[in-house]
Amino acid sequence: YLEGLAAAARTRMPEHPVNCRCQHCTHRTRYAQLQAARAAA
């Protein structure tokens, strides 16, 4: 039941705005920048 509640909550989560500064979005942005820098190099 708790697993189901958590799954339902995950689907209801709003998308983060483009300029979101939460830890997850910051990490994802830095990772994307690192990948782009590696590809450019």
Full PDB file with SEQRES, HELIX, SHEET, SSBOND, CRYST1, ORIGX, SCALE, CONECT and MASTER records, all heavy atoms in Angstrom:
SEQRES   1 A   41  TYR LEU GLU GLY LEU ALA ALA ALA ALA ARG THR ARG MET          
SEQRES   2 A   41  PRO GLU HIS PRO VAL ASN CYS ARG CYS GLN HIS CYS THR          
SEQRES   3 A   41  HIS ARG THR ARG TYR ALA GLN LEU GLN ALA ALA ARG ALA          
SEQRES   4 A   41  ALA ALA                                                      
HELIX    1 AA1 LEU A    2  ARG A   12  1                                  11    
HELIX    2 AA2 GLN A   23  ALA A   40  1                                  18    
CRYST1    1.000    1.000    1.000  90.00  90.00  90.00 P 1           1          
ORIGX1      1.000000  0.000000  0.000000        0.00000                         
ORIGX2      0.000000  1.000000  0.000000        0.00000                         
ORIGX3      0.000000  0.000000  1.000000        0.00000                         
SCALE1      1.000000  0.000000  0.000000        0.00000                         
SCALE2      0.000000  1.000000  0.000000        0.00000                         
SCALE3      0.000000  0.000000  1.000000        0.00000                         
ATOM      1  N   TYR A   1       0.833  -1.206   0.000  1.00  0.00           N  
ATOM      2  CA  TYR A   1       0.000   0.000   0.000  1.00  0.00           C  
ATOM      3  C   TYR A   1       0.873   1.263   0.000  1.00  0.00           C  
ATOM      4  O   TYR A   1       0.628   2.195  -0.757  1.00  0.00           O  
ATOM      5  CB  TYR A   1      -0.932  -0.011   1.209  1.00  0.00           C  
ATOM      6  CG  TYR A   1      -1.984   1.060   1.178  1.00  0.00           C  
ATOM      7  CD1 TYR A   1      -3.069   0.978   0.317  1.00  0.00           C  
ATOM      8  CD2 TYR A   1      -1.893   2.162   2.012  1.00  0.00           C  
ATOM      9  CE1 TYR A   1      -4.040   1.960   0.293  1.00  0.00           C  
ATOM     10  CE2 TYR A   1      -2.858   3.156   1.993  1.00  0.00           C  
ATOM     11  CZ  TYR A   1      -3.931   3.048   1.138  1.00  0.00           C  
ATOM     12  OH  TYR A   1      -4.895   4.030   1.104  1.00  0.00           O  
ATOM     13  N   LEU A   2       1.899   1.274   0.850  1.00  0.00           N  
ATOM     14  CA  LEU A   2       2.799   2.431   0.886  1.00  0.00           C  
ATOM     15  C   LEU A   2       3.538   2.597  -0.438  1.00  0.00           C  
ATOM     16  O   LEU A   2       3.739   3.713  -0.913  1.00  0.00           O  
ATOM     17  CB  LEU A   2       3.794   2.296   2.040  1.00  0.00           C  
ATOM     18  CG  LEU A   2       3.211   2.482   3.433  1.00  0.00           C  
ATOM     19  CD1 LEU A   2       4.267   2.190   4.488  1.00  0.00           C  
ATOM     20  CD2 LEU A   2       2.642   3.868   3.603  1.00  0.00           C  
ATOM     21  N   GLU A   3       3.927   1.497  -1.040  1.00  0.00           N  
ATOM     22  CA  GLU A   3       4.586   1.553  -2.346  1.00  0.00           C  
ATOM     23  C   GLU A   3       3.636   2.133  -3.393  1.00  0.00           C  
ATOM     24  O   GLU A   3       4.039   2.933  -4.241  1.00  0.00           O  
ATOM     25  CB  GLU A   3       5.036   0.145  -2.754  1.00  0.00           C  
ATOM     26  CG  GLU A   3       6.000   0.122  -3.892  1.00  0.00           C  
ATOM     27  CD  GLU A   3       7.371   0.631  -3.512  1.00  0.00           C  
ATOM     28  OE1 GLU A   3       7.881   0.285  -2.446  1.00  0.00           O  
ATOM     29  OE2 GLU A   3       7.921   1.393  -4.314  1.00  0.00           O  
ATOM     30  N   GLY A   4       2.366   1.737  -3.322  1.00  0.00           N  
ATOM     31  CA  GLY A   4       1.375   2.277  -4.244  1.00  0.00           C  
ATOM     32  C   GLY A   4       1.124   3.757  -4.032  1.00  0.00           C  
ATOM     33  O   GLY A   4       0.990   4.529  -4.993  1.00  0.00           O  
ATOM     34  N   LEU A   5       1.060   4.188  -2.777  1.00  0.00           N  
ATOM     35  CA  LEU A   5       0.895   5.620  -2.485  1.00  0.00           C  
ATOM     36  C   LEU A   5       2.079   6.423  -3.017  1.00  0.00           C  
ATOM     37  O   LEU A   5       1.910   7.509  -3.578  1.00  0.00           O  
ATOM     38  CB  LEU A   5       0.748   5.847  -0.978  1.00  0.00           C  
ATOM     39  CG  LEU A   5      -0.553   5.393  -0.334  1.00  0.00           C  
ATOM     40  CD1 LEU A   5      -0.483   5.594   1.178  1.00  0.00           C  
ATOM     41  CD2 LEU A   5      -1.744   6.125  -0.916  1.00  0.00           C  
ATOM     42  N   ALA A   6       3.272   5.875  -2.852  1.00  0.00           N  
ATOM     43  CA  ALA A   6       4.465   6.562  -3.345  1.00  0.00           C  
ATOM     44  C   ALA A   6       4.453   6.650  -4.867  1.00  0.00           C  
ATOM     45  O   ALA A   6       4.811   7.680  -5.448  1.00  0.00           O  
ATOM     46  CB  ALA A   6       5.725   5.844  -2.863  1.00  0.00           C  
ATOM     47  N   ALA A   7       4.016   5.591  -5.522  1.00  0.00           N  
ATOM     48  CA  ALA A   7       3.941   5.601  -6.989  1.00  0.00           C  
ATOM     49  C   ALA A   7       2.934   6.637  -7.464  1.00  0.00           C  
ATOM     50  O   ALA A   7       3.177   7.361  -8.437  1.00  0.00           O  
ATOM     51  CB  ALA A   7       3.565   4.214  -7.502  1.00  0.00           C  
ATOM     52  N   ALA A   8       1.802   6.718  -6.790  1.00  0.00           N  
ATOM     53  CA  ALA A   8       0.789   7.708  -7.160  1.00  0.00           C  
ATOM     54  C   ALA A   8       1.315   9.120  -6.944  1.00  0.00           C  
ATOM     55  O   ALA A   8       1.082  10.017  -7.762  1.00  0.00           O  
ATOM     56  CB  ALA A   8      -0.484   7.483  -6.343  1.00  0.00           C  
ATOM     57  N   ALA A   9       2.039   9.331  -5.867  1.00  0.00           N  
ATOM     58  CA  ALA A   9       2.597  10.661  -5.588  1.00  0.00           C  
ATOM     59  C   ALA A   9       3.627  11.049  -6.646  1.00  0.00           C  
ATOM     60  O   ALA A   9       3.699  12.216  -7.055  1.00  0.00           O  
ATOM     61  CB  ALA A   9       3.225  10.683  -4.199  1.00  0.00           C  
ATOM     62  N   ARG A  10       4.419  10.062  -7.105  1.00  0.00           N  
ATOM     63  CA  ARG A  10       5.413  10.360  -8.137  1.00  0.00           C  
ATOM     64  C   ARG A  10       4.757  10.803  -9.435  1.00  0.00           C  
ATOM     65  O   ARG A  10       5.268  11.680 -10.121  1.00  0.00           O  
ATOM     66  CB  ARG A  10       6.306   9.151  -8.400  1.00  0.00           C  
ATOM     67  CG  ARG A  10       7.396   8.971  -7.379  1.00  0.00           C  
ATOM     68  CD  ARG A  10       8.409   7.928  -7.828  1.00  0.00           C  
ATOM     69  NE  ARG A  10       7.845   6.609  -8.007  1.00  0.00           N  
ATOM     70  CZ  ARG A  10       7.717   5.704  -7.049  1.00  0.00           C  
ATOM     71  NH1 ARG A  10       8.102   5.985  -5.819  1.00  0.00           N  
ATOM     72  NH2 ARG A  10       7.212   4.517  -7.301  1.00  0.00           N  
ATOM     73  N   THR A  11       3.627  10.223  -9.779  1.00  0.00           N  
ATOM     74  CA  THR A  11       2.962  10.604 -11.031  1.00  0.00           C  
ATOM     75  C   THR A  11       2.287  11.962 -10.921  1.00  0.00           C  
ATOM     76  O   THR A  11       2.071  12.617 -11.930  1.00  0.00           O  
ATOM     77  CB  THR A  11       1.916   9.561 -11.456  1.00  0.00           C  
ATOM     78  OG1 THR A  11       0.930   9.442 -10.441  1.00  0.00           O  
ATOM     79  CG2 THR A  11       2.565   8.212 -11.715  1.00  0.00           C  
ATOM     80  N   ARG A  12       1.957  12.377  -9.708  1.00  0.00           N  
ATOM     81  CA  ARG A  12       1.303  13.678  -9.523  1.00  0.00           C  
ATOM     82  C   ARG A  12       2.294  14.820  -9.337  1.00  0.00           C  
ATOM     83  O   ARG A  12       1.902  15.976  -9.270  1.00  0.00           O  
ATOM     84  CB  ARG A  12       0.375  13.631  -8.313  1.00  0.00           C  
ATOM     85  CG  ARG A  12      -0.876  12.825  -8.533  1.00  0.00           C  
ATOM     86  CD  ARG A  12      -1.851  13.029  -7.403  1.00  0.00           C  
ATOM     87  NE  ARG A  12      -1.360  12.579  -6.117  1.00  0.00           N  
ATOM     88  CZ  ARG A  12      -1.545  11.372  -5.612  1.00  0.00           C  
ATOM     89  NH1 ARG A  12      -2.214  10.471  -6.293  1.00  0.00           N  
ATOM     90  NH2 ARG A  12      -1.095  11.057  -4.422  1.00  0.00           N  
ATOM     91  N   MET A  13       3.565  14.502  -9.238  1.00  0.00           N  
ATOM     92  CA  MET A  13       4.562  15.554  -9.014  1.00  0.00           C  
ATOM     93  C   MET A  13       4.609  16.487 -10.218  1.00  0.00           C  
ATOM     94  O   MET A  13       4.629  16.028 -11.357  1.00  0.00           O  
ATOM     95  CB  MET A  13       5.950  14.939  -8.803  1.00  0.00           C  
ATOM     96  CG  MET A  13       6.133  14.348  -7.445  1.00  0.00           C  
ATOM     97  SD  MET A  13       7.746  13.570  -7.202  1.00  0.00           S  
ATOM     98  CE  MET A  13       8.875  14.760  -7.840  1.00  0.00           C  
ATOM     99  N   PRO A  14       4.633  17.768  -9.980  1.00  0.00           N  
ATOM    100  CA  PRO A  14       4.732  18.699 -11.100  1.00  0.00           C  
ATOM    101  C   PRO A  14       6.141  18.672 -11.680  1.00  0.00           C  
ATOM    102  O   PRO A  14       7.098  18.308 -10.994  1.00  0.00           O  
ATOM    103  CB  PRO A  14       4.441  20.056 -10.460  1.00  0.00           C  
ATOM    104  CG  PRO A  14       4.867  19.889  -9.048  1.00  0.00           C  
ATOM    105  CD  PRO A  14       4.576  18.443  -8.698  1.00  0.00           C  
ATOM    106  N   GLU A  15       6.232  19.052 -12.956  1.00  0.00           N  
ATOM    107  CA  GLU A  15       7.554  19.157 -13.549  1.00  0.00           C  
ATOM    108  C   GLU A  15       8.260  20.380 -12.985  1.00  0.00           C  
ATOM    109  O   GLU A  15       7.634  21.385 -12.689  1.00  0.00           O  
ATOM    110  CB  GLU A  15       7.453  19.278 -15.064  1.00  0.00           C  
ATOM    111  CG  GLU A  15       7.327  17.951 -15.732  1.00  0.00           C  
ATOM    112  CD  GLU A  15       7.667  18.045 -17.202  1.00  0.00           C  
ATOM    113  OE1 GLU A  15       8.623  18.753 -17.573  1.00  0.00           O  
ATOM    114  OE2 GLU A  15       6.972  17.401 -17.962  1.00  0.00           O  
ATOM    115  N   HIS A  16       9.533  20.269 -12.864  1.00  0.00           N  
ATOM    116  CA  HIS A  16      10.304  21.383 -12.339  1.00  0.00           C  
ATOM    117  C   HIS A  16      10.472  22.436 -13.432  1.00  0.00           C  
ATOM    118  O   HIS A  16      10.616  22.110 -14.601  1.00  0.00           O  
ATOM    119  CB  HIS A  16      11.680  20.900 -11.882  1.00  0.00           C  
ATOM    120  CG  HIS A  16      11.607  19.995 -10.698  1.00  0.00           C  
ATOM    121  ND1 HIS A  16      12.334  20.229  -9.559  1.00  0.00           N  
ATOM    122  CD2 HIS A  16      10.896  18.869 -10.445  1.00  0.00           C  
ATOM    123  CE1 HIS A  16      12.077  19.290  -8.671  1.00  0.00           C  
ATOM    124  NE2 HIS A  16      11.217  18.456  -9.186  1.00  0.00           N  
ATOM    125  N   PRO A  17      10.481  23.710 -13.057  1.00  0.00           N  
ATOM    126  CA  PRO A  17      10.712  24.753 -14.064  1.00  0.00           C  
ATOM    127  C   PRO A  17      12.141  24.671 -14.594  1.00  0.00           C  
ATOM    128  O   PRO A  17      13.008  24.033 -13.982  1.00  0.00           O  
ATOM    129  CB  PRO A  17      10.478  26.055 -13.305  1.00  0.00           C  
ATOM    130  CG  PRO A  17      10.652  25.711 -11.883  1.00  0.00           C  
ATOM    131  CD  PRO A  17      10.252  24.262 -11.734  1.00  0.00           C  
ATOM    132  N   VAL A  18      12.381  25.310 -15.698  1.00  0.00           N  
ATOM    133  CA  VAL A  18      13.689  25.257 -16.336  1.00  0.00           C  
ATOM    134  C   VAL A  18      14.785  25.786 -15.410  1.00  0.00           C  
ATOM    135  O   VAL A  18      15.896  25.263 -15.384  1.00  0.00           O  
ATOM    136  CB  VAL A  18      13.669  26.073 -17.655  1.00  0.00           C  
ATOM    137  CG1 VAL A  18      15.047  26.135 -18.277  1.00  0.00           C  
ATOM    138  CG2 VAL A  18      12.667  25.471 -18.613  1.00  0.00           C  
ATOM    139  N   ASN A  19      14.488  26.806 -14.635  1.00  0.00           N  
ATOM    140  CA  ASN A  19      15.506  27.409 -13.767  1.00  0.00           C  
ATOM    141  C   ASN A  19      15.455  26.879 -12.331  1.00  0.00           C  
ATOM    142  O   ASN A  19      15.893  27.555 -11.412  1.00  0.00           O  
ATOM    143  CB  ASN A  19      15.352  28.931 -13.768  1.00  0.00           C  
ATOM    144  CG  ASN A  19      13.993  29.370 -13.275  1.00  0.00           C  
ATOM    145  OD1 ASN A  19      13.087  28.554 -13.101  1.00  0.00           O  
ATOM    146  ND2 ASN A  19      13.830  30.658 -13.060  1.00  0.00           N  
ATOM    147  N   CYS A  20      14.951  25.680 -12.135  1.00  0.00           N  
ATOM    148  CA  CYS A  20      14.843  25.090 -10.790  1.00  0.00           C  
ATOM    149  C   CYS A  20      16.233  24.885 -10.195  1.00  0.00           C  
ATOM    150  O   CYS A  20      17.160  24.459 -10.871  1.00  0.00           O  
ATOM    151  CB  CYS A  20      14.099  23.760 -10.860  1.00  0.00           C  
ATOM    152  SG  CYS A  20      13.904  22.979  -9.251  1.00  0.00           S  
ATOM    153  N   ARG A  21      16.368  25.180  -8.906  1.00  0.00           N  
ATOM    154  CA  ARG A  21      17.655  25.062  -8.223  1.00  0.00           C  
ATOM    155  C   ARG A  21      17.676  23.928  -7.197  1.00  0.00           C  
ATOM    156  O   ARG A  21      18.560  23.891  -6.340  1.00  0.00           O  
ATOM    157  CB  ARG A  21      17.991  26.373  -7.513  1.00  0.00           C  
ATOM    158  CG  ARG A  21      18.148  27.534  -8.439  1.00  0.00           C  
ATOM    159  CD  ARG A  21      19.437  27.415  -9.172  1.00  0.00           C  
ATOM    160  NE  ARG A  21      19.605  28.565 -10.062  1.00  0.00           N  
ATOM    161  CZ  ARG A  21      20.355  28.547 -11.113  1.00  0.00           C  
ATOM    162  NH1 ARG A  21      21.014  27.466 -11.437  1.00  0.00           N  
ATOM    163  NH2 ARG A  21      20.474  29.610 -11.866  1.00  0.00           N  
ATOM    164  N   CYS A  22      16.728  22.995  -7.284  1.00  0.00           N  
ATOM    165  CA  CYS A  22      16.748  21.881  -6.324  1.00  0.00           C  
ATOM    166  C   CYS A  22      17.971  21.001  -6.610  1.00  0.00           C  
ATOM    167  O   CYS A  22      18.591  21.080  -7.666  1.00  0.00           O  
ATOM    168  CB  CYS A  22      15.456  21.071  -6.389  1.00  0.00           C  
ATOM    169  SG  CYS A  22      15.332  19.923  -7.779  1.00  0.00           S  
ATOM    170  N   GLN A  23      18.320  20.162  -5.657  1.00  0.00           N  
ATOM    171  CA  GLN A  23      19.529  19.349  -5.772  1.00  0.00           C  
ATOM    172  C   GLN A  23      19.472  18.436  -6.997  1.00  0.00           C  
ATOM    173  O   GLN A  23      20.457  18.309  -7.726  1.00  0.00           O  
ATOM    174  CB  GLN A  23      19.713  18.528  -4.501  1.00  0.00           C  
ATOM    175  CG  GLN A  23      20.993  17.725  -4.503  1.00  0.00           C  
ATOM    176  CD  GLN A  23      21.186  16.956  -3.215  1.00  0.00           C  
ATOM    177  OE1 GLN A  23      20.317  16.928  -2.362  1.00  0.00           O  
ATOM    178  NE2 GLN A  23      22.327  16.332  -3.078  1.00  0.00           N  
ATOM    179  N   HIS A  24      18.342  17.820  -7.244  1.00  0.00           N  
ATOM    180  CA  HIS A  24      18.215  16.905  -8.378  1.00  0.00           C  
ATOM    181  C   HIS A  24      18.407  17.640  -9.704  1.00  0.00           C  
ATOM    182  O   HIS A  24      19.167  17.202 -10.563  1.00  0.00           O  
ATOM    183  CB  HIS A  24      16.844  16.219  -8.355  1.00  0.00           C  
ATOM    184  CG  HIS A  24      16.593  15.373  -9.550  1.00  0.00           C  
ATOM    185  ND1 HIS A  24      17.204  14.165  -9.740  1.00  0.00           N  
ATOM    186  CD2 HIS A  24      15.808  15.576 -10.636  1.00  0.00           C  
ATOM    187  CE1 HIS A  24      16.812  13.652 -10.894  1.00  0.00           C  
ATOM    188  NE2 HIS A  24      15.955  14.489 -11.445  1.00  0.00           N  
ATOM    189  N   CYS A  25      17.714  18.772  -9.862  1.00  0.00           N  
ATOM    190  CA  CYS A  25      17.818  19.529 -11.112  1.00  0.00           C  
ATOM    191  C   CYS A  25      19.218  20.098 -11.295  1.00  0.00           C  
ATOM    192  O   CYS A  25      19.749  20.117 -12.409  1.00  0.00           O  
ATOM    193  CB  CYS A  25      16.771  20.637 -11.154  1.00  0.00           C  
ATOM    194  SG  CYS A  25      15.092  19.997 -11.343  1.00  0.00           S  
ATOM    195  N   THR A  26      19.829  20.567 -10.221  1.00  0.00           N  
ATOM    196  CA  THR A  26      21.188  21.100 -10.303  1.00  0.00           C  
ATOM    197  C   THR A  26      22.155  20.007 -10.743  1.00  0.00           C  
ATOM    198  O   THR A  26      22.996  20.219 -11.624  1.00  0.00           O  
ATOM    199  CB  THR A  26      21.625  21.681  -8.944  1.00  0.00           C  
ATOM    200  OG1 THR A  26      20.685  22.691  -8.560  1.00  0.00           O  
ATOM    201  CG2 THR A  26      23.011  22.268  -9.013  1.00  0.00           C  
ATOM    202  N   HIS A  27      22.030  18.830 -10.154  1.00  0.00           N  
ATOM    203  CA  HIS A  27      22.891  17.708 -10.528  1.00  0.00           C  
ATOM    204  C   HIS A  27      22.670  17.333 -11.991  1.00  0.00           C  
ATOM    205  O   HIS A  27      23.626  17.124 -12.732  1.00  0.00           O  
ATOM    206  CB  HIS A  27      22.621  16.506  -9.618  1.00  0.00           C  
ATOM    207  CG  HIS A  27      23.382  15.287 -10.011  1.00  0.00           C  
ATOM    208  ND1 HIS A  27      24.728  15.167  -9.794  1.00  0.00           N  
ATOM    209  CD2 HIS A  27      22.994  14.156 -10.649  1.00  0.00           C  
ATOM    210  CE1 HIS A  27      25.144  14.001 -10.261  1.00  0.00           C  
ATOM    211  NE2 HIS A  27      24.105  13.377 -10.780  1.00  0.00           N  
ATOM    212  N   ARG A  28      21.408  17.261 -12.405  1.00  0.00           N  
ATOM    213  CA  ARG A  28      21.089  16.884 -13.786  1.00  0.00           C  
ATOM    214  C   ARG A  28      21.650  17.916 -14.763  1.00  0.00           C  
ATOM    215  O   ARG A  28      22.209  17.560 -15.798  1.00  0.00           O  
ATOM    216  CB  ARG A  28      19.578  16.732 -13.958  1.00  0.00           C  
ATOM    217  CG  ARG A  28      19.190  16.184 -15.313  1.00  0.00           C  
ATOM    218  CD  ARG A  28      17.714  15.980 -15.426  1.00  0.00           C  
ATOM    219  NE  ARG A  28      17.037  17.236 -15.143  1.00  0.00           N  
ATOM    220  CZ  ARG A  28      15.800  17.316 -14.708  1.00  0.00           C  
ATOM    221  NH1 ARG A  28      15.112  16.234 -14.470  1.00  0.00           N  
ATOM    222  NH2 ARG A  28      15.232  18.491 -14.499  1.00  0.00           N  
ATOM    223  N   THR A  29      21.544  19.199 -14.421  1.00  0.00           N  
ATOM    224  CA  THR A  29      22.065  20.258 -15.288  1.00  0.00           C  
ATOM    225  C   THR A  29      23.586  20.179 -15.375  1.00  0.00           C  
ATOM    226  O   THR A  29      24.152  20.275 -16.469  1.00  0.00           O  
ATOM    227  CB  THR A  29      21.640  21.638 -14.756  1.00  0.00           C  
ATOM    228  OG1 THR A  29      20.217  21.684 -14.693  1.00  0.00           O  
ATOM    229  CG2 THR A  29      22.157  22.757 -15.629  1.00  0.00           C  
ATOM    230  N   ARG A  30      24.245  19.994 -14.251  1.00  0.00           N  
ATOM    231  CA  ARG A  30      25.708  19.886 -14.259  1.00  0.00           C  
ATOM    232  C   ARG A  30      26.169  18.669 -15.049  1.00  0.00           C  
ATOM    233  O   ARG A  30      27.163  18.717 -15.767  1.00  0.00           O  
ATOM    234  CB  ARG A  30      26.244  19.833 -12.836  1.00  0.00           C  
ATOM    235  CG  ARG A  30      26.166  21.167 -12.142  1.00  0.00           C  
ATOM    236  CD  ARG A  30      26.747  21.102 -10.761  1.00  0.00           C  
ATOM    237  NE  ARG A  30      26.603  22.385 -10.096  1.00  0.00           N  
ATOM    238  CZ  ARG A  30      26.662  22.536  -8.799  1.00  0.00           C  
ATOM    239  NH1 ARG A  30      26.877  21.510  -8.012  1.00  0.00           N  
ATOM    240  NH2 ARG A  30      26.509  23.731  -8.268  1.00  0.00           N  
ATOM    241  N   TYR A  31      25.436  17.567 -14.926  1.00  0.00           N  
ATOM    242  CA  TYR A  31      25.793  16.363 -15.675  1.00  0.00           C  
ATOM    243  C   TYR A  31      25.634  16.602 -17.175  1.00  0.00           C  
ATOM    244  O   TYR A  31      26.491  16.217 -17.968  1.00  0.00           O  
ATOM    245  CB  TYR A  31      24.918  15.183 -15.224  1.00  0.00           C  
ATOM    246  CG  TYR A  31      25.248  13.896 -15.936  1.00  0.00           C  
ATOM    247  CD1 TYR A  31      26.394  13.177 -15.595  1.00  0.00           C  
ATOM    248  CD2 TYR A  31      24.440  13.403 -16.943  1.00  0.00           C  
ATOM    249  CE1 TYR A  31      26.714  12.010 -16.241  1.00  0.00           C  
ATOM    250  CE2 TYR A  31      24.755  12.237 -17.599  1.00  0.00           C  
ATOM    251  CZ  TYR A  31      25.888  11.536 -17.250  1.00  0.00           C  
ATOM    252  OH  TYR A  31      26.210  10.374 -17.904  1.00  0.00           O  
ATOM    253  N   ALA A  32      24.554  17.276 -17.566  1.00  0.00           N  
ATOM    254  CA  ALA A  32      24.339  17.584 -18.981  1.00  0.00           C  
ATOM    255  C   ALA A  32      25.429  18.512 -19.499  1.00  0.00           C  
ATOM    256  O   ALA A  32      25.922  18.345 -20.621  1.00  0.00           O  
ATOM    257  CB  ALA A  32      22.967  18.215 -19.187  1.00  0.00           C  
ATOM    258  N   GLN A  33      25.843  19.489 -18.679  1.00  0.00           N  
ATOM    259  CA  GLN A  33      26.921  20.395 -19.088  1.00  0.00           C  
ATOM    260  C   GLN A  33      28.241  19.641 -19.231  1.00  0.00           C  
ATOM    261  O   GLN A  33      29.004  19.888 -20.163  1.00  0.00           O  
ATOM    262  CB  GLN A  33      27.070  21.527 -18.074  1.00  0.00           C  
ATOM    263  CG  GLN A  33      25.923  22.515 -18.086  1.00  0.00           C  
ATOM    264  CD  GLN A  33      25.976  23.490 -16.923  1.00  0.00           C  
ATOM    265  OE1 GLN A  33      26.655  23.266 -15.934  1.00  0.00           O  
ATOM    266  NE2 GLN A  33      25.229  24.585 -17.053  1.00  0.00           N  
ATOM    267  N   LEU A  34      28.499  18.714 -18.319  1.00  0.00           N  
ATOM    268  CA  LEU A  34      29.717  17.910 -18.390  1.00  0.00           C  
ATOM    269  C   LEU A  34      29.724  17.059 -19.655  1.00  0.00           C  
ATOM    270  O   LEU A  34      30.731  16.982 -20.359  1.00  0.00           O  
ATOM    271  CB  LEU A  34      29.842  17.027 -17.143  1.00  0.00           C  
ATOM    272  CG  LEU A  34      31.026  16.067 -17.102  1.00  0.00           C  
ATOM    273  CD1 LEU A  34      32.336  16.850 -17.060  1.00  0.00           C  
ATOM    274  CD2 LEU A  34      30.922  15.157 -15.904  1.00  0.00           C  
ATOM    275  N   GLN A  35      28.596  16.435 -19.958  1.00  0.00           N  
ATOM    276  CA  GLN A  35      28.490  15.611 -21.161  1.00  0.00           C  
ATOM    277  C   GLN A  35      28.707  16.461 -22.410  1.00  0.00           C  
ATOM    278  O   GLN A  35      29.380  16.037 -23.349  1.00  0.00           O  
ATOM    279  CB  GLN A  35      27.137  14.909 -21.226  1.00  0.00           C  
ATOM    280  CG  GLN A  35      26.935  13.863 -20.148  1.00  0.00           C  
ATOM    281  CD  GLN A  35      27.914  12.724 -20.273  1.00  0.00           C  
ATOM    282  OE1 GLN A  35      29.003  12.758 -19.711  1.00  0.00           O  
ATOM    283  NE2 GLN A  35      27.542  11.719 -21.022  1.00  0.00           N  
ATOM    284  N   ALA A  36      28.133  17.667 -22.438  1.00  0.00           N  
ATOM    285  CA  ALA A  36      28.299  18.554 -23.590  1.00  0.00           C  
ATOM    286  C   ALA A  36      29.757  18.978 -23.732  1.00  0.00           C  
ATOM    287  O   ALA A  36      30.293  19.033 -24.847  1.00  0.00           O  
ATOM    288  CB  ALA A  36      27.401  19.769 -23.446  1.00  0.00           C  
ATOM    289  N   ALA A  37      30.419  19.274 -22.618  1.00  0.00           N  
ATOM    290  CA  ALA A  37      31.833  19.660 -22.661  1.00  0.00           C  
ATOM    291  C   ALA A  37      32.698  18.510 -23.161  1.00  0.00           C  
ATOM    292  O   ALA A  37      33.620  18.715 -23.959  1.00  0.00           O  
ATOM    293  CB  ALA A  37      32.289  20.111 -21.270  1.00  0.00           C  
ATOM    294  N   ARG A  38      32.393  17.301 -22.711  1.00  0.00           N  
ATOM    295  CA  ARG A  38      33.151  16.134 -23.189  1.00  0.00           C  
ATOM    296  C   ARG A  38      32.941  15.912 -24.682  1.00  0.00           C  
ATOM    297  O   ARG A  38      33.879  15.601 -25.411  1.00  0.00           O  
ATOM    298  CB  ARG A  38      32.731  14.886 -22.412  1.00  0.00           C  
ATOM    299  CG  ARG A  38      33.274  14.846 -21.025  1.00  0.00           C  
ATOM    300  CD  ARG A  38      32.832  13.605 -20.293  1.00  0.00           C  
ATOM    301  NE  ARG A  38      33.376  13.576 -18.943  1.00  0.00           N  
ATOM    302  CZ  ARG A  38      32.937  12.784 -17.993  1.00  0.00           C  
ATOM    303  NH1 ARG A  38      31.937  11.953 -18.228  1.00  0.00           N  
ATOM    304  NH2 ARG A  38      33.477  12.815 -16.798  1.00  0.00           N  
ATOM    305  N   ALA A  39      31.692  16.052 -25.124  1.00  0.00           N  
ATOM    306  CA  ALA A  39      31.401  15.886 -26.544  1.00  0.00           C  
ATOM    307  C   ALA A  39      32.105  16.949 -27.375  1.00  0.00           C  
ATOM    308  O   ALA A  39      32.659  16.659 -28.446  1.00  0.00           O  
ATOM    309  CB  ALA A  39      29.894  15.944 -26.784  1.00  0.00           C  
ATOM    310  N   ALA A  40      32.147  18.186 -26.881  1.00  0.00           N  
ATOM    311  CA  ALA A  40      32.835  19.269 -27.590  1.00  0.00           C  
ATOM    312  C   ALA A  40      34.334  19.002 -27.648  1.00  0.00           C  
ATOM    313  O   ALA A  40      34.972  19.217 -28.688  1.00  0.00           O  
ATOM    314  CB  ALA A  40      32.544  20.599 -26.909  1.00  0.00           C  
ATOM    315  N   ALA A  41      34.910  18.533 -26.539  1.00  0.00           N  
ATOM    316  CA  ALA A  41      36.343  18.243 -26.518  1.00  0.00           C  
ATOM    317  C   ALA A  41      36.669  17.103 -27.480  1.00  0.00           C  
ATOM    318  O   ALA A  41      37.681  17.154 -28.199  1.00  0.00           O  
ATOM    319  CB  ALA A  41      36.780  17.889 -25.099  1.00  0.00           C  
TER     320      ALA A  41                                                      
MASTER        0    0    0    2    0    0    0    6  319    1    0    4          
END                                                                             
